Amino acid sequence: MRNLLPILSAILIILFVSSCTTTRTFSTAEGSYDGIEVFTAKTPEKNFKEIKYIEVQGGWFSGPKGLLSKLLQRAKDAGADGLVNVQYNTLHVGSTISGTAVKFEESN
């Protein structure tokens, strides 16, 4: 049993140091999703009125696409037709996606 202790310790250290890492990507291509225009880095060239800031949180296994879908639904529910400054962030305990829901003003 004493001979196994150094081996088990070494295995635990190796597992801890080489723990899994995950890379998740979020497409920053602006576009229209379900009738909502999404802007990540640019601001729209149209005039708009801000409705509200929306943030969606998810657990470790929540991916960007699922969170974006929830964000789009909440923007629709708020009466928005656009989202500006959309950002996807990962945290130690999960992920968040956020943006400002906007209503575009009619052009004269």
PDB file of N, CA and C in Angstrom:
ATOM      1  N   MET A   1       0.813  -1.188   0.000  1.00  0.00           N
ATOM      2  CA  MET A   1       0.000   0.000   0.000  1.00  0.00           C
ATOM      3  C   MET A   1       0.862   1.259   0.000  1.00  0.00           C
ATOM      4  N   ARG A   2       1.989   1.191   0.719  1.00  0.00           N
ATOM      5  CA  ARG A   2       2.888   2.349   0.774  1.00  0.00           C
ATOM      6  C   ARG A   2       3.502   2.629  -0.585  1.00  0.00           C
ATOM      7  N   ASN A   3       3.704   1.591  -1.396  1.00  0.00           N
ATOM      8  CA  ASN A   3       4.288   1.778  -2.725  1.00  0.00           C
ATOM      9  C   ASN A   3       3.299   2.445  -3.679  1.00  0.00           C
ATOM     10  N   LEU A   4       2.018   2.280  -3.410  1.00  0.00           N
ATOM     11  CA  LEU A   4       1.001   2.870  -4.279  1.00  0.00           C
ATOM     12  C   LEU A   4       0.779   4.364  -4.015  1.00  0.00           C
ATOM     13  N   LEU A   5       1.101   4.822  -2.815  1.00  0.00           N
ATOM     14  CA  LEU A   5       0.867   6.216  -2.454  1.00  0.00           C
ATOM     15  C   LEU A   5       1.621   7.193  -3.366  1.00  0.00           C
ATOM     16  N   PRO A   6       2.909   7.000  -3.645  1.00  0.00           N
ATOM     17  CA  PRO A   6       3.591   7.917  -4.563  1.00  0.00           C
ATOM     18  C   PRO A   6       3.007   7.873  -5.985  1.00  0.00           C
ATOM     19  N   ILE A   7       2.614   6.698  -6.408  1.00  0.00           N
ATOM     20  CA  ILE A   7       2.041   6.575  -7.758  1.00  0.00           C
ATOM     21  C   ILE A   7       0.706   7.288  -7.830  1.00  0.00           C
ATOM     22  N   LEU A   8      -0.153   7.086  -6.838  1.00  0.00           N
ATOM     23  CA  LEU A   8      -1.448   7.764  -6.815  1.00  0.00           C
ATOM     24  C   LEU A   8      -1.273   9.275  -6.699  1.00  0.00           C
ATOM     25  N   SER A   9      -0.323   9.713  -5.910  1.00  0.00           N
ATOM     26  CA  SER A   9      -0.047  11.147  -5.780  1.00  0.00           C
ATOM     27  C   SER A   9       0.395  11.733  -7.118  1.00  0.00           C
ATOM     28  N   ALA A  10       1.273  11.024  -7.809  1.00  0.00           N
ATOM     29  CA  ALA A  10       1.755  11.493  -9.114  1.00  0.00           C
ATOM     30  C   ALA A  10       0.603  11.561 -10.120  1.00  0.00           C
ATOM     31  N   ILE A  11      -0.263  10.582 -10.123  1.00  0.00           N
ATOM     32  CA  ILE A  11      -1.412  10.574 -11.037  1.00  0.00           C
ATOM     33  C   ILE A  11      -2.333  11.758 -10.743  1.00  0.00           C
ATOM     34  N   LEU A  12      -2.605  12.001  -9.471  1.00  0.00           N
ATOM     35  CA  LEU A  12      -3.466  13.131  -9.096  1.00  0.00           C
ATOM     36  C   LEU A  12      -2.843  14.467  -9.502  1.00  0.00           C
ATOM     37  N   ILE A  13      -1.555  14.606  -9.311  1.00  0.00           N
ATOM     38  CA  ILE A  13      -0.875  15.849  -9.706  1.00  0.00           C
ATOM     39  C   ILE A  13      -0.932  16.030 -11.215  1.00  0.00           C
ATOM     40  N   ILE A  14      -0.699  14.973 -11.960  1.00  0.00           N
ATOM     41  CA  ILE A  14      -0.759  15.044 -13.426  1.00  0.00           C
ATOM     42  C   ILE A  14      -2.171  15.408 -13.883  1.00  0.00           C
ATOM     43  N   LEU A  15      -3.174  14.794 -13.284  1.00  0.00           N
ATOM     44  CA  LEU A  15      -4.559  15.109 -13.641  1.00  0.00           C
ATOM     45  C   LEU A  15      -4.900  16.556 -13.310  1.00  0.00           C
ATOM     46  N   PHE A  16      -4.435  17.039 -12.182  1.00  0.00           N
ATOM     47  CA  PHE A  16      -4.714  18.413 -11.785  1.00  0.00           C
ATOM     48  C   PHE A  16      -4.032  19.416 -12.719  1.00  0.00           C
ATOM     49  N   VAL A  17      -2.765  19.174 -13.034  1.00  0.00           N
ATOM     50  CA  VAL A  17      -2.007  20.098 -13.886  1.00  0.00           C
ATOM     51  C   VAL A  17      -2.498  20.062 -15.332  1.00  0.00           C
ATOM     52  N   SER A  18      -2.891  18.903 -15.798  1.00  0.00           N
ATOM     53  CA  SER A  18      -3.317  18.782 -17.196  1.00  0.00           C
ATOM     54  C   SER A  18      -4.835  18.697 -17.309  1.00  0.00           C
ATOM     55  N   SER A  19      -5.513  19.444 -16.464  1.00  0.00           N
ATOM     56  CA  SER A  19      -6.978  19.383 -16.483  1.00  0.00           C
ATOM     57  C   SER A  19      -7.506  19.837 -17.836  1.00  0.00           C
ATOM     58  N   CYS A  20      -8.709  19.448 -18.094  1.00  0.00           N
ATOM     59  CA  CYS A  20      -9.324  19.732 -19.392  1.00  0.00           C
ATOM     60  C   CYS A  20      -9.539  21.220 -19.594  1.00  0.00           C
ATOM     61  N   THR A  21      -9.337  21.634 -20.799  1.00  0.00           N
ATOM     62  CA  THR A  21      -9.675  23.004 -21.183  1.00  0.00           C
ATOM     63  C   THR A  21     -10.638  22.921 -22.342  1.00  0.00           C
ATOM     64  N   THR A  22     -11.513  23.881 -22.400  1.00  0.00           N
ATOM     65  CA  THR A  22     -12.508  23.906 -23.454  1.00  0.00           C
ATOM     66  C   THR A  22     -12.463  25.252 -24.144  1.00  0.00           C
ATOM     67  N   THR A  23     -12.479  25.221 -25.446  1.00  0.00           N
ATOM     68  CA  THR A  23     -12.541  26.457 -26.210  1.00  0.00           C
ATOM     69  C   THR A  23     -13.910  26.529 -26.858  1.00  0.00           C
ATOM     70  N   ARG A  24     -14.600  27.607 -26.602  1.00  0.00           N
ATOM     71  CA  ARG A  24     -15.905  27.813 -27.207  1.00  0.00           C
ATOM     72  C   ARG A  24     -15.827  29.057 -28.064  1.00  0.00           C
ATOM     73  N   THR A  25     -16.461  28.995 -29.191  1.00  0.00           N
ATOM     74  CA  THR A  25     -16.444  30.157 -30.071  1.00  0.00           C
ATOM     75  C   THR A  25     -17.849  30.699 -30.236  1.00  0.00           C
ATOM     76  N   PHE A  26     -17.904  31.958 -30.495  1.00  0.00           N
ATOM     77  CA  PHE A  26     -19.163  32.641 -30.733  1.00  0.00           C
ATOM     78  C   PHE A  26     -18.975  33.465 -31.990  1.00  0.00           C
ATOM     79  N   SER A  27     -19.771  33.208 -32.984  1.00  0.00           N
ATOM     80  CA  SER A  27     -19.641  33.925 -34.245  1.00  0.00           C
ATOM     81  C   SER A  27     -19.935  35.403 -34.030  1.00  0.00           C
ATOM     82  N   THR A  28     -18.997  36.233 -34.431  1.00  0.00           N
ATOM     83  CA  THR A  28     -19.202  37.675 -34.280  1.00  0.00           C
ATOM     84  C   THR A  28     -19.768  38.294 -35.553  1.00  0.00           C
ATOM     85  N   ALA A  29     -20.194  37.462 -36.459  1.00  0.00           N
ATOM     86  CA  ALA A  29     -20.787  37.982 -37.692  1.00  0.00           C
ATOM     87  C   ALA A  29     -22.146  38.582 -37.367  1.00  0.00           C
ATOM     88  N   GLU A  30     -22.248  39.880 -37.620  1.00  0.00           N
ATOM     89  CA  GLU A  30     -23.540  40.507 -37.404  1.00  0.00           C
ATOM     90  C   GLU A  30     -24.515  39.973 -38.434  1.00  0.00           C
ATOM     91  N   GLY A  31     -25.760  39.928 -38.059  1.00  0.00           N
ATOM     92  CA  GLY A  31     -26.766  39.438 -38.971  1.00  0.00           C
ATOM     93  C   GLY A  31     -28.115  39.421 -38.308  1.00  0.00           C
ATOM     94  N   SER A  32     -29.053  38.810 -38.982  1.00  0.00           N
ATOM     95  CA  SER A  32     -30.408  38.731 -38.457  1.00  0.00           C
ATOM     96  C   SER A  32     -30.683  37.292 -38.051  1.00  0.00           C
ATOM     97  N   TYR A  33     -31.141  37.132 -36.827  1.00  0.00           N
ATOM     98  CA  TYR A  33     -31.475  35.825 -36.287  1.00  0.00           C
ATOM     99  C   TYR A  33     -32.911  35.883 -35.793  1.00  0.00           C
ATOM    100  N   ASP A  34     -33.781  35.118 -36.392  1.00  0.00           N
ATOM    101  CA  ASP A  34     -35.188  35.090 -35.984  1.00  0.00           C
ATOM    102  C   ASP A  34     -35.815  36.481 -35.982  1.00  0.00           C
ATOM    103  N   GLY A  35     -35.435  37.309 -36.949  1.00  0.00           N
ATOM    104  CA  GLY A  35     -36.022  38.645 -37.057  1.00  0.00           C
ATOM    105  C   GLY A  35     -35.385  39.683 -36.154  1.00  0.00           C
ATOM    106  N   ILE A  36     -34.364  39.318 -35.410  1.00  0.00           N
ATOM    107  CA  ILE A  36     -33.656  40.250 -34.524  1.00  0.00           C
ATOM    108  C   ILE A  36     -32.276  40.498 -35.126  1.00  0.00           C
ATOM    109  N   GLU A  37     -31.951  41.768 -35.373  1.00  0.00           N
ATOM    110  CA  GLU A  37     -30.620  42.091 -35.882  1.00  0.00           C
ATOM    111  C   GLU A  37     -29.646  42.109 -34.710  1.00  0.00           C
ATOM    112  N   VAL A  38     -28.508  41.428 -34.877  1.00  0.00           N
ATOM    113  CA  VAL A  38     -27.525  41.292 -33.807  1.00  0.00           C
ATOM    114  C   VAL A  38     -26.242  42.018 -34.207  1.00  0.00           C
ATOM    115  N   PHE A  39     -25.753  42.859 -33.283  1.00  0.00           N
ATOM    116  CA  PHE A  39     -24.518  43.611 -33.495  1.00  0.00           C
ATOM    117  C   PHE A  39     -23.587  43.347 -32.325  1.00  0.00           C
ATOM    118  N   THR A  40     -22.358  42.905 -32.634  1.00  0.00           N
ATOM    119  CA  THR A  40     -21.404  42.598 -31.574  1.00  0.00           C
ATOM    120  C   THR A  40     -20.395  43.735 -31.394  1.00  0.00           C
ATOM    121  N   ALA A  41     -19.673  44.078 -32.426  1.00  0.00           N
ATOM    122  CA  ALA A  41     -18.611  45.076 -32.304  1.00  0.00           C
ATOM    123  C   ALA A  41     -19.010  46.431 -32.886  1.00  0.00           C
ATOM    124  N   LYS A  42     -19.885  46.440 -33.843  1.00  0.00           N
ATOM    125  CA  LYS A  42     -20.295  47.686 -34.490  1.00  0.00           C
ATOM    126  C   LYS A  42     -21.628  48.147 -33.919  1.00  0.00           C
ATOM    127  N   THR A  43     -21.917  49.411 -34.139  1.00  0.00           N
ATOM    128  CA  THR A  43     -23.246  49.905 -33.791  1.00  0.00           C
ATOM    129  C   THR A  43     -24.033  50.057 -35.082  1.00  0.00           C
ATOM    130  N   PRO A  44     -25.335  49.887 -35.026  1.00  0.00           N
ATOM    131  CA  PRO A  44     -26.137  49.985 -36.243  1.00  0.00           C
ATOM    132  C   PRO A  44     -26.090  51.394 -36.827  1.00  0.00           C
ATOM    133  N   GLU A  45     -26.241  51.476 -38.121  1.00  0.00           N
ATOM    134  CA  GLU A  45     -26.256  52.775 -38.782  1.00  0.00           C
ATOM    135  C   GLU A  45     -27.626  53.425 -38.694  1.00  0.00           C
ATOM    136  N   LYS A  46     -28.607  52.686 -38.204  1.00  0.00           N
ATOM    137  CA  LYS A  46     -29.953  53.209 -38.027  1.00  0.00           C
ATOM    138  C   LYS A  46     -30.076  53.831 -36.637  1.00  0.00           C
ATOM    139  N   ASN A  47     -31.019  54.749 -36.508  1.00  0.00           N
ATOM    140  CA  ASN A  47     -31.322  55.288 -35.185  1.00  0.00           C
ATOM    141  C   ASN A  47     -32.124  54.247 -34.413  1.00  0.00           C
ATOM    142  N   PHE A  48     -31.868  54.172 -33.111  1.00  0.00           N
ATOM    143  CA  PHE A  48     -32.579  53.202 -32.292  1.00  0.00           C
ATOM    144  C   PHE A  48     -32.813  53.761 -30.902  1.00  0.00           C
ATOM    145  N   LYS A  49     -33.761  53.148 -30.229  1.00  0.00           N
ATOM    146  CA  LYS A  49     -34.078  53.486 -28.849  1.00  0.00           C
ATOM    147  C   LYS A  49     -33.772  52.253 -28.005  1.00  0.00           C
ATOM    148  N   GLU A  50     -33.018  52.440 -26.937  1.00  0.00           N
ATOM    149  CA  GLU A  50     -32.687  51.325 -26.054  1.00  0.00           C
ATOM    150  C   GLU A  50     -33.912  50.920 -25.252  1.00  0.00           C
ATOM    151  N   ILE A  51     -34.146  49.618 -25.179  1.00  0.00           N
ATOM    152  CA  ILE A  51     -35.266  49.103 -24.392  1.00  0.00           C
ATOM    153  C   ILE A  51     -34.756  48.644 -23.029  1.00  0.00           C
ATOM    154  N   LYS A  52     -33.822  47.695 -23.028  1.00  0.00           N
ATOM    155  CA  LYS A  52     -33.239  47.239 -21.772  1.00  0.00           C
ATOM    156  C   LYS A  52     -32.024  46.362 -22.023  1.00  0.00           C
ATOM    157  N   TYR A  53     -31.216  46.235 -20.983  1.00  0.00           N
ATOM    158  CA  TYR A  53     -30.055  45.357 -20.991  1.00  0.00           C
ATOM    159  C   TYR A  53     -30.528  43.962 -20.589  1.00  0.00           C
ATOM    160  N   ILE A  54     -30.064  42.954 -21.325  1.00  0.00           N
ATOM    161  CA  ILE A  54     -30.467  41.569 -21.040  1.00  0.00           C
ATOM    162  C   ILE A  54     -29.211  40.725 -20.864  1.00  0.00           C
ATOM    163  N   GLU A  55     -29.221  39.887 -19.842  1.00  0.00           N
ATOM    164  CA  GLU A  55     -28.121  38.951 -19.613  1.00  0.00           C
ATOM    165  C   GLU A  55     -28.713  37.575 -19.363  1.00  0.00           C
ATOM    166  N   VAL A  56     -28.144  36.584 -20.024  1.00  0.00           N
ATOM    167  CA  VAL A  56     -28.580  35.194 -19.865  1.00  0.00           C
ATOM    168  C   VAL A  56     -27.393  34.403 -19.321  1.00  0.00           C
ATOM    169  N   GLN A  57     -27.631  33.653 -18.262  1.00  0.00           N
ATOM    170  CA  GLN A  57     -26.580  32.838 -17.661  1.00  0.00           C
ATOM    171  C   GLN A  57     -26.856  31.367 -17.893  1.00  0.00           C
ATOM    172  N   GLY A  58     -25.786  30.601 -18.038  1.00  0.00           N
ATOM    173  CA  GLY A  58     -25.914  29.164 -18.223  1.00  0.00           C
ATOM    174  C   GLY A  58     -24.848  28.437 -17.431  1.00  0.00           C
ATOM    175  N   GLY A  59     -25.029  27.152 -17.257  1.00  0.00           N
ATOM    176  CA  GLY A  59     -24.076  26.322 -16.526  1.00  0.00           C
ATOM    177  C   GLY A  59     -22.884  25.949 -17.376  1.00  0.00           C
ATOM    178  N   TRP A  60     -22.093  25.032 -16.864  1.00  0.00           N
ATOM    179  CA  TRP A  60     -20.877  24.596 -17.544  1.00  0.00           C
ATOM    180  C   TRP A  60     -21.147  24.073 -18.943  1.00  0.00           C
ATOM    181  N   PHE A  61     -22.272  23.429 -19.130  1.00  0.00           N
ATOM    182  CA  PHE A  61     -22.523  22.784 -20.405  1.00  0.00           C
ATOM    183  C   PHE A  61     -23.377  23.627 -21.351  1.00  0.00           C
ATOM    184  N   SER A  62     -23.666  24.859 -20.975  1.00  0.00           N
ATOM    185  CA  SER A  62     -24.433  25.752 -21.855  1.00  0.00           C
ATOM    186  C   SER A  62     -23.494  26.297 -22.919  1.00  0.00           C
ATOM    187  N   GLY A  63     -23.850  26.090 -24.152  1.00  0.00           N
ATOM    188  CA  GLY A  63     -23.030  26.583 -25.245  1.00  0.00           C
ATOM    189  C   GLY A  63     -23.490  27.941 -25.728  1.00  0.00           C
ATOM    190  N   PRO A  64     -22.670  28.591 -26.537  1.00  0.00           N
ATOM    191  CA  PRO A  64     -23.017  29.913 -27.044  1.00  0.00           C
ATOM    192  C   PRO A  64     -24.310  29.924 -27.852  1.00  0.00           C
ATOM    193  N   LYS A  65     -24.547  28.892 -28.637  1.00  0.00           N
ATOM    194  CA  LYS A  65     -25.751  28.870 -29.486  1.00  0.00           C
ATOM    195  C   LYS A  65     -27.025  28.797 -28.642  1.00  0.00           C
ATOM    196  N   GLY A  66     -27.012  27.967 -27.609  1.00  0.00           N
ATOM    197  CA  GLY A  66     -28.176  27.850 -26.740  1.00  0.00           C
ATOM    198  C   GLY A  66     -28.447  29.136 -25.980  1.00  0.00           C
ATOM    199  N   LEU A  67     -27.381  29.762 -25.490  1.00  0.00           N
ATOM    200  CA  LEU A  67     -27.547  31.019 -24.766  1.00  0.00           C
ATOM    201  C   LEU A  67     -28.009  32.131 -25.703  1.00  0.00           C
ATOM    202  N   LEU A  68     -27.488  32.151 -26.941  1.00  0.00           N
ATOM    203  CA  LEU A  68     -27.922  33.154 -27.912  1.00  0.00           C
ATOM    204  C   LEU A  68     -29.404  32.995 -28.219  1.00  0.00           C
ATOM    205  N   SER A  69     -29.849  31.760 -28.322  1.00  0.00           N
ATOM    206  CA  SER A  69     -31.265  31.503 -28.574  1.00  0.00           C
ATOM    207  C   SER A  69     -32.138  32.076 -27.459  1.00  0.00           C
ATOM    208  N   LYS A  70     -31.722  31.885 -26.205  1.00  0.00           N
ATOM    209  CA  LYS A  70     -32.464  32.428 -25.070  1.00  0.00           C
ATOM    210  C   LYS A  70     -32.426  33.954 -25.061  1.00  0.00           C
ATOM    211  N   LEU A  71     -31.272  34.526 -25.414  1.00  0.00           N
ATOM    212  CA  LEU A  71     -31.141  35.983 -25.472  1.00  0.00           C
ATOM    213  C   LEU A  71     -32.061  36.564 -26.538  1.00  0.00           C
ATOM    214  N   LEU A  72     -32.118  35.923 -27.700  1.00  0.00           N
ATOM    215  CA  LEU A  72     -32.996  36.376 -28.779  1.00  0.00           C
ATOM    216  C   LEU A  72     -34.461  36.310 -28.354  1.00  0.00           C
ATOM    217  N   GLN A  73     -34.834  35.239 -27.658  1.00  0.00           N
ATOM    218  CA  GLN A  73     -36.224  35.104 -27.217  1.00  0.00           C
ATOM    219  C   GLN A  73     -36.588  36.191 -26.204  1.00  0.00           C
ATOM    220  N   ARG A  74     -35.678  36.478 -25.296  1.00  0.00           N
ATOM    221  CA  ARG A  74     -35.959  37.534 -24.309  1.00  0.00           C
ATOM    222  C   ARG A  74     -36.037  38.903 -24.969  1.00  0.00           C
ATOM    223  N   ALA A  75     -35.235  39.130 -26.000  1.00  0.00           N
ATOM    224  CA  ALA A  75     -35.301  40.401 -26.723  1.00  0.00           C
ATOM    225  C   ALA A  75     -36.637  40.523 -27.450  1.00  0.00           C
ATOM    226  N   LYS A  76     -37.076  39.433 -28.077  1.00  0.00           N
ATOM    227  CA  LYS A  76     -38.388  39.432 -28.742  1.00  0.00           C
ATOM    228  C   LYS A  76     -39.502  39.711 -27.745  1.00  0.00           C
ATOM    229  N   ASP A  77     -39.436  39.054 -26.596  1.00  0.00           N
ATOM    230  CA  ASP A  77     -40.452  39.245 -25.561  1.00  0.00           C
ATOM    231  C   ASP A  77     -40.501  40.697 -25.082  1.00  0.00           C
ATOM    232  N   ALA A  78     -39.377  41.394 -25.151  1.00  0.00           N
ATOM    233  CA  ALA A  78     -39.315  42.793 -24.723  1.00  0.00           C
ATOM    234  C   ALA A  78     -39.768  43.743 -25.825  1.00  0.00           C
ATOM    235  N   GLY A  79     -40.060  43.205 -27.020  1.00  0.00           N
ATOM    236  CA  GLY A  79     -40.496  44.047 -28.133  1.00  0.00           C
ATOM    237  C   GLY A  79     -39.365  44.627 -28.952  1.00  0.00           C
ATOM    238  N   ALA A  80     -38.182  44.062 -28.824  1.00  0.00           N
ATOM    239  CA  ALA A  80     -37.010  44.564 -29.551  1.00  0.00           C
ATOM    240  C   ALA A  80     -36.958  43.994 -30.962  1.00  0.00           C
ATOM    241  N   ASP A  81     -36.298  44.737 -31.837  1.00  0.00           N
ATOM    242  CA  ASP A  81     -35.997  44.193 -33.159  1.00  0.00           C
ATOM    243  C   ASP A  81     -34.498  44.199 -33.429  1.00  0.00           C
ATOM    244  N   GLY A  82     -33.719  44.447 -32.375  1.00  0.00           N
ATOM    245  CA  GLY A  82     -32.275  44.404 -32.494  1.00  0.00           C
ATOM    246  C   GLY A  82     -31.597  44.212 -31.149  1.00  0.00           C
ATOM    247  N   LEU A  83     -30.354  43.737 -31.194  1.00  0.00           N
ATOM    248  CA  LEU A  83     -29.503  43.606 -30.013  1.00  0.00           C
ATOM    249  C   LEU A  83     -28.156  44.230 -30.355  1.00  0.00           C
ATOM    250  N   VAL A  84     -27.677  45.132 -29.520  1.00  0.00           N
ATOM    251  CA  VAL A  84     -26.368  45.744 -29.752  1.00  0.00           C
ATOM    252  C   VAL A  84     -25.438  45.381 -28.607  1.00  0.00           C
ATOM    253  N   ASN A  85     -24.143  45.447 -28.893  1.00  0.00           N
ATOM    254  CA  ASN A  85     -23.096  45.153 -27.910  1.00  0.00           C
ATOM    255  C   ASN A  85     -23.266  43.764 -27.302  1.00  0.00           C
ATOM    256  N   VAL A  86     -23.519  42.776 -28.149  1.00  0.00           N
ATOM    257  CA  VAL A  86     -23.693  41.396 -27.680  1.00  0.00           C
ATOM    258  C   VAL A  86     -22.319  40.829 -27.323  1.00  0.00           C
ATOM    259  N   GLN A  87     -22.227  40.262 -26.122  1.00  0.00           N
ATOM    260  CA  GLN A  87     -20.967  39.709 -25.634  1.00  0.00           C
ATOM    261  C   GLN A  87     -21.198  38.350 -24.999  1.00  0.00           C
ATOM    262  N   TYR A  88     -20.293  37.426 -25.291  1.00  0.00           N
ATOM    263  CA  TYR A  88     -20.335  36.083 -24.694  1.00  0.00           C
ATOM    264  C   TYR A  88     -19.126  35.961 -23.776  1.00  0.00           C
ATOM    265  N   ASN A  89     -19.369  35.589 -22.529  1.00  0.00           N
ATOM    266  CA  ASN A  89     -18.289  35.461 -21.549  1.00  0.00           C
ATOM    267  C   ASN A  89     -18.381  34.115 -20.851  1.00  0.00           C
ATOM    268  N   THR A  90     -17.217  33.541 -20.566  1.00  0.00           N
ATOM    269  CA  THR A  90     -17.187  32.307 -19.791  1.00  0.00           C
ATOM    270  C   THR A  90     -16.698  32.641 -18.390  1.00  0.00           C
ATOM    271  N   LEU A  91     -17.270  31.956 -17.429  1.00  0.00           N
ATOM    272  CA  LEU A  91     -16.922  32.145 -16.030  1.00  0.00           C
ATOM    273  C   LEU A  91     -16.449  30.820 -15.470  1.00  0.00           C
ATOM    274  N   HIS A  92     -16.010  30.807 -14.234  1.00  0.00           N
ATOM    275  CA  HIS A  92     -15.569  29.559 -13.612  1.00  0.00           C
ATOM    276  C   HIS A  92     -16.719  28.574 -13.451  1.00  0.00           C
ATOM    277  N   VAL A  93     -17.925  29.078 -13.309  1.00  0.00           N
ATOM    278  CA  VAL A  93     -19.065  28.200 -13.054  1.00  0.00           C
ATOM    279  C   VAL A  93     -20.057  28.165 -14.212  1.00  0.00           C
ATOM    280  N   GLY A  94     -19.729  28.742 -15.332  1.00  0.00           N
ATOM    281  CA  GLY A  94     -20.647  28.723 -16.461  1.00  0.00           C
ATOM    282  C   GLY A  94     -20.338  29.807 -17.469  1.00  0.00           C
ATOM    283  N   SER A  95     -21.361  30.221 -18.183  1.00  0.00           N
ATOM    284  CA  SER A  95     -21.209  31.210 -19.244  1.00  0.00           C
ATOM    285  C   SER A  95     -22.340  32.223 -19.167  1.00  0.00           C
ATOM    286  N   THR A  96     -22.087  33.390 -19.741  1.00  0.00           N
ATOM    287  CA  THR A  96     -23.136  34.392 -19.875  1.00  0.00           C
ATOM    288  C   THR A  96     -23.087  34.981 -21.269  1.00  0.00           C
ATOM    289  N   ILE A  97     -24.226  35.451 -21.718  1.00  0.00           N
ATOM    290  CA  ILE A  97     -24.300  36.217 -22.955  1.00  0.00           C
ATOM    291  C   ILE A  97     -25.189  37.411 -22.641  1.00  0.00           C
ATOM    292  N   SER A  98     -24.808  38.555 -23.139  1.00  0.00           N
ATOM    293  CA  SER A  98     -25.563  39.755 -22.807  1.00  0.00           C
ATOM    294  C   SER A  98     -25.609  40.691 -24.008  1.00  0.00           C
ATOM    295  N   GLY A  99     -26.540  41.613 -23.952  1.00  0.00           N
ATOM    296  CA  GLY A  99     -26.674  42.622 -24.988  1.00  0.00           C
ATOM    297  C   GLY A  99     -27.767  43.607 -24.614  1.00  0.00           C
ATOM    298  N   THR A 100     -27.817  44.701 -25.327  1.00  0.00           N
ATOM    299  CA  THR A 100     -28.843  45.705 -25.100  1.00  0.00           C
ATOM    300  C   THR A 100     -29.915  45.555 -26.168  1.00  0.00           C
ATOM    301  N   ALA A 101     -31.143  45.318 -25.732  1.00  0.00           N
ATOM    302  CA  ALA A 101     -32.280  45.187 -26.643  1.00  0.00           C
ATOM    303  C   ALA A 101     -32.665  46.587 -27.116  1.00  0.00           C
ATOM    304  N   VAL A 102     -32.862  46.740 -28.436  1.00  0.00           N
ATOM    305  CA  VAL A 102     -33.196  48.037 -29.003  1.00  0.00           C
ATOM    306  C   VAL A 102     -34.381  47.922 -29.944  1.00  0.00           C
ATOM    307  N   LYS A 103     -35.026  49.046 -30.148  1.00  0.00           N
ATOM    308  CA  LYS A 103     -36.119  49.179 -31.128  1.00  0.00           C
ATOM    309  C   LYS A 103     -35.657  50.212 -32.136  1.00  0.00           C
ATOM    310  N   PHE A 104     -35.591  49.806 -33.412  1.00  0.00           N
ATOM    311  CA  PHE A 104     -35.145  50.735 -34.449  1.00  0.00           C
ATOM    312  C   PHE A 104     -36.236  51.732 -34.765  1.00  0.00           C
ATOM    313  N   GLU A 105     -35.826  52.989 -34.958  1.00  0.00           N
ATOM    314  CA  GLU A 105     -36.775  54.060 -35.280  1.00  0.00           C
ATOM    315  C   GLU A 105     -37.018  54.070 -36.775  1.00  0.00           C
ATOM    316  N   GLU A 106     -38.235  54.437 -37.138  1.00  0.00           N
ATOM    317  CA  GLU A 106     -38.614  54.496 -38.551  1.00  0.00           C
ATOM    318  C   GLU A 106     -37.857  55.623 -39.256  1.00  0.00           C
ATOM    319  N   SER A 107     -37.405  55.372 -40.460  1.00  0.00           N
ATOM    320  CA  SER A 107     -36.718  56.398 -41.269  1.00  0.00           C
ATOM    321  C   SER A 107     -37.760  57.314 -41.882  1.00  0.00           C
ATOM    322  N   ASN A 108     -37.456  58.597 -41.910  1.00  0.00           N
ATOM    323  CA  ASN A 108     -38.390  59.566 -42.538  1.00  0.00           C
ATOM    324  C   ASN A 108     -37.997  59.803 -43.960  1.00  0.00           C
TER     325      ASN A 108
END
